[in-house]
Amino acid sequence: MGRGRQKAKQTKVARDLKYRPIDTDFASLERELRGEPYSEDDPLDEAQDKWADLAARYETGDETDSASAAS
């Protein structure tokens, strides 16, 4: 990619980031930075539990699930 096209693409991305409306949950960010535990209604907590379960299964070698059991 030539330098002109590369600069144009970078300018386009920068402009998009500058003018895009961003919905940031500053309260959640503050809790995370302080190291406070997540609240009960935090949707990330459910996802973290799912990944923790998958990691535990991987560490124990029990990687079977319904998809692999069917094949």
N, C-alpha and C. Protein backbone atom coordinates (compact mmCIF):
# COMPACT_ATOMS: atom_id res chain seq x y z
N MET A 1 0.85 -1.16 0.00
CA MET A 1 0.00 0.00 0.00
C MET A 1 0.91 1.23 0.00
N GLY A 2 0.63 2.18 -0.90
CA GLY A 2 1.43 3.38 -0.97
C GLY A 2 1.23 4.28 0.24
N ARG A 3 2.16 5.18 0.43
CA ARG A 3 2.12 6.06 1.61
C ARG A 3 0.88 6.95 1.60
N GLY A 4 0.45 7.42 0.43
CA GLY A 4 -0.75 8.26 0.35
C GLY A 4 -2.00 7.52 0.78
N ARG A 5 -2.14 6.31 0.30
CA ARG A 5 -3.31 5.50 0.67
C ARG A 5 -3.27 5.13 2.15
N GLN A 6 -2.08 4.83 2.65
CA GLN A 6 -1.94 4.46 4.06
C GLN A 6 -2.31 5.64 4.95
N LYS A 7 -1.83 6.84 4.61
CA LYS A 7 -2.14 8.02 5.41
C LYS A 7 -3.63 8.34 5.35
N ALA A 8 -4.23 8.17 4.18
CA ALA A 8 -5.66 8.42 4.04
C ALA A 8 -6.47 7.46 4.91
N LYS A 9 -6.05 6.21 4.95
CA LYS A 9 -6.74 5.22 5.78
C LYS A 9 -6.60 5.56 7.26
N GLN A 10 -5.38 5.96 7.68
CA GLN A 10 -5.17 6.34 9.07
C GLN A 10 -6.00 7.56 9.44
N THR A 11 -6.10 8.52 8.52
CA THR A 11 -6.90 9.72 8.76
C THR A 11 -8.37 9.34 8.90
N LYS A 12 -8.84 8.44 8.06
CA LYS A 12 -10.23 8.00 8.12
C LYS A 12 -10.53 7.34 9.47
N VAL A 13 -9.64 6.47 9.93
CA VAL A 13 -9.83 5.79 11.21
C VAL A 13 -9.79 6.78 12.35
N ALA A 14 -8.85 7.72 12.31
CA ALA A 14 -8.75 8.72 13.37
C ALA A 14 -10.00 9.58 13.42
N ARG A 15 -10.51 9.99 12.27
CA ARG A 15 -11.72 10.80 12.24
C ARG A 15 -12.92 10.01 12.77
N ASP A 16 -12.99 8.74 12.41
CA ASP A 16 -14.09 7.89 12.90
C ASP A 16 -14.04 7.78 14.42
N LEU A 17 -12.85 7.58 14.98
CA LEU A 17 -12.72 7.48 16.44
C LEU A 17 -13.04 8.80 17.13
N LYS A 18 -12.69 9.90 16.50
CA LYS A 18 -12.90 11.21 17.10
C LYS A 18 -14.38 11.56 17.18
N TYR A 19 -15.14 11.26 16.14
CA TYR A 19 -16.53 11.70 16.07
C TYR A 19 -17.55 10.62 16.40
N ARG A 20 -17.12 9.41 16.66
CA ARG A 20 -18.07 8.34 16.99
C ARG A 20 -18.60 8.53 18.40
N PRO A 21 -19.92 8.43 18.57
CA PRO A 21 -20.45 8.51 19.94
C PRO A 21 -20.07 7.24 20.71
N ILE A 22 -19.46 7.42 21.86
CA ILE A 22 -18.99 6.29 22.65
C ILE A 22 -19.76 6.25 23.96
N ASP A 23 -20.35 5.12 24.25
CA ASP A 23 -21.06 4.92 25.51
C ASP A 23 -20.13 4.17 26.45
N THR A 24 -19.51 4.90 27.36
CA THR A 24 -18.57 4.31 28.29
C THR A 24 -19.20 4.24 29.67
N ASP A 25 -19.10 3.08 30.29
CA ASP A 25 -19.60 2.90 31.65
C ASP A 25 -18.45 3.22 32.61
N PHE A 26 -18.38 4.49 33.00
CA PHE A 26 -17.27 4.93 33.82
C PHE A 26 -17.32 4.33 35.23
N ALA A 27 -18.51 4.04 35.74
CA ALA A 27 -18.63 3.44 37.06
C ALA A 27 -18.02 2.04 37.06
N SER A 28 -18.30 1.28 36.02
CA SER A 28 -17.73 -0.06 35.91
C SER A 28 -16.22 0.00 35.74
N LEU A 29 -15.75 0.95 34.95
CA LEU A 29 -14.32 1.13 34.76
C LEU A 29 -13.63 1.49 36.08
N GLU A 30 -14.26 2.36 36.85
CA GLU A 30 -13.69 2.76 38.14
C GLU A 30 -13.61 1.57 39.09
N ARG A 31 -14.67 0.76 39.14
CA ARG A 31 -14.66 -0.44 40.00
C ARG A 31 -13.54 -1.39 39.59
N GLU A 32 -13.36 -1.56 38.29
CA GLU A 32 -12.33 -2.47 37.80
C GLU A 32 -10.94 -1.96 38.16
N LEU A 33 -10.72 -0.67 38.02
CA LEU A 33 -9.41 -0.11 38.33
C LEU A 33 -9.11 -0.15 39.83
N ARG A 34 -10.14 -0.03 40.64
CA ARG A 34 -9.95 -0.09 42.09
C ARG A 34 -9.81 -1.52 42.59
N GLY A 35 -10.20 -2.48 41.76
CA GLY A 35 -10.10 -3.88 42.16
C GLY A 35 -11.29 -4.35 42.97
N GLU A 36 -12.38 -3.59 42.91
CA GLU A 36 -13.59 -3.99 43.64
C GLU A 36 -14.27 -5.14 42.90
N PRO A 37 -14.95 -6.01 43.63
CA PRO A 37 -15.64 -7.12 42.98
C PRO A 37 -16.81 -6.62 42.14
N TYR A 38 -17.18 -7.42 41.16
CA TYR A 38 -18.28 -7.07 40.28
C TYR A 38 -19.60 -7.20 41.04
N SER A 39 -20.58 -6.41 40.62
CA SER A 39 -21.90 -6.47 41.22
C SER A 39 -22.67 -7.66 40.64
N GLU A 40 -23.77 -8.00 41.25
CA GLU A 40 -24.56 -9.15 40.81
C GLU A 40 -25.15 -8.94 39.41
N ASP A 41 -25.45 -7.70 39.05
CA ASP A 41 -26.09 -7.44 37.77
C ASP A 41 -25.09 -7.16 36.65
N ASP A 42 -23.84 -7.43 36.89
CA ASP A 42 -22.81 -7.18 35.89
C ASP A 42 -22.81 -8.31 34.85
N PRO A 43 -23.06 -8.01 33.57
CA PRO A 43 -23.11 -9.08 32.56
C PRO A 43 -21.76 -9.74 32.32
N LEU A 44 -20.67 -9.06 32.63
CA LEU A 44 -19.35 -9.65 32.44
C LEU A 44 -19.09 -10.78 33.42
N ASP A 45 -19.73 -10.71 34.59
CA ASP A 45 -19.53 -11.73 35.61
C ASP A 45 -19.95 -13.11 35.08
N GLU A 46 -21.08 -13.14 34.36
CA GLU A 46 -21.57 -14.41 33.82
C GLU A 46 -20.59 -14.96 32.78
N ALA A 47 -20.05 -14.09 31.93
CA ALA A 47 -19.09 -14.51 30.92
C ALA A 47 -17.80 -15.01 31.57
N GLN A 48 -17.37 -14.34 32.62
CA GLN A 48 -16.16 -14.75 33.31
C GLN A 48 -16.34 -16.11 33.96
N ASP A 49 -17.52 -16.37 34.51
CA ASP A 49 -17.80 -17.68 35.09
C ASP A 49 -17.74 -18.77 34.02
N LYS A 50 -18.27 -18.47 32.85
CA LYS A 50 -18.26 -19.45 31.76
C LYS A 50 -16.83 -19.80 31.37
N TRP A 51 -15.98 -18.78 31.21
CA TRP A 51 -14.59 -19.02 30.81
C TRP A 51 -13.81 -19.71 31.93
N ALA A 52 -14.12 -19.40 33.18
CA ALA A 52 -13.45 -20.06 34.29
C ALA A 52 -13.79 -21.55 34.31
N ASP A 53 -15.06 -21.88 34.02
CA ASP A 53 -15.47 -23.28 33.95
C ASP A 53 -14.75 -24.01 32.82
N LEU A 54 -14.66 -23.34 31.65
CA LEU A 54 -13.96 -23.95 30.52
C LEU A 54 -12.48 -24.15 30.83
N ALA A 55 -11.87 -23.19 31.50
CA ALA A 55 -10.45 -23.30 31.84
C ALA A 55 -10.23 -24.44 32.84
N ALA A 56 -11.14 -24.59 33.78
CA ALA A 56 -11.02 -25.66 34.77
C ALA A 56 -11.15 -27.02 34.09
N ARG A 57 -12.07 -27.14 33.13
CA ARG A 57 -12.22 -28.40 32.41
C ARG A 57 -10.98 -28.71 31.59
N TYR A 58 -10.39 -27.68 30.98
CA TYR A 58 -9.20 -27.87 30.17
C TYR A 58 -8.02 -28.33 31.03
N GLU A 59 -7.88 -27.73 32.21
CA GLU A 59 -6.78 -28.09 33.09
C GLU A 59 -6.90 -29.51 33.61
N THR A 60 -8.12 -29.99 33.81
CA THR A 60 -8.32 -31.34 34.31
C THR A 60 -8.32 -32.37 33.18
N GLY A 61 -8.34 -31.90 31.93
CA GLY A 61 -8.34 -32.81 30.80
C GLY A 61 -9.72 -33.28 30.41
N ASP A 62 -10.76 -32.76 31.04
CA ASP A 62 -12.13 -33.12 30.72
C ASP A 62 -12.69 -32.10 29.74
N GLU A 63 -12.33 -32.28 28.46
CA GLU A 63 -12.74 -31.31 27.45
C GLU A 63 -13.98 -31.76 26.71
N THR A 64 -14.70 -32.73 27.19
CA THR A 64 -15.88 -33.21 26.49
C THR A 64 -17.03 -32.28 26.77
N ASP A 65 -17.77 -32.01 25.72
CA ASP A 65 -19.00 -31.25 25.84
C ASP A 65 -20.03 -31.86 24.90
N SER A 66 -21.21 -31.27 24.83
CA SER A 66 -22.27 -31.86 24.03
C SER A 66 -21.92 -31.91 22.55
N ALA A 67 -21.16 -30.93 22.03
CA ALA A 67 -20.81 -30.92 20.61
C ALA A 67 -19.83 -32.04 20.27
N SER A 68 -18.82 -32.22 21.09
CA SER A 68 -17.84 -33.26 20.79
C SER A 68 -18.35 -34.65 21.13
N ALA A 69 -19.28 -34.75 22.06
CA ALA A 69 -19.84 -36.05 22.40
C ALA A 69 -20.72 -36.58 21.29
N ALA A 70 -21.35 -35.67 20.51
CA ALA A 70 -22.24 -36.08 19.45
C ALA A 70 -21.47 -36.58 18.23
N SER A 71 -20.21 -36.16 18.07
CA SER A 71 -19.48 -36.58 16.87
C SER A 71 -18.71 -37.84 17.03
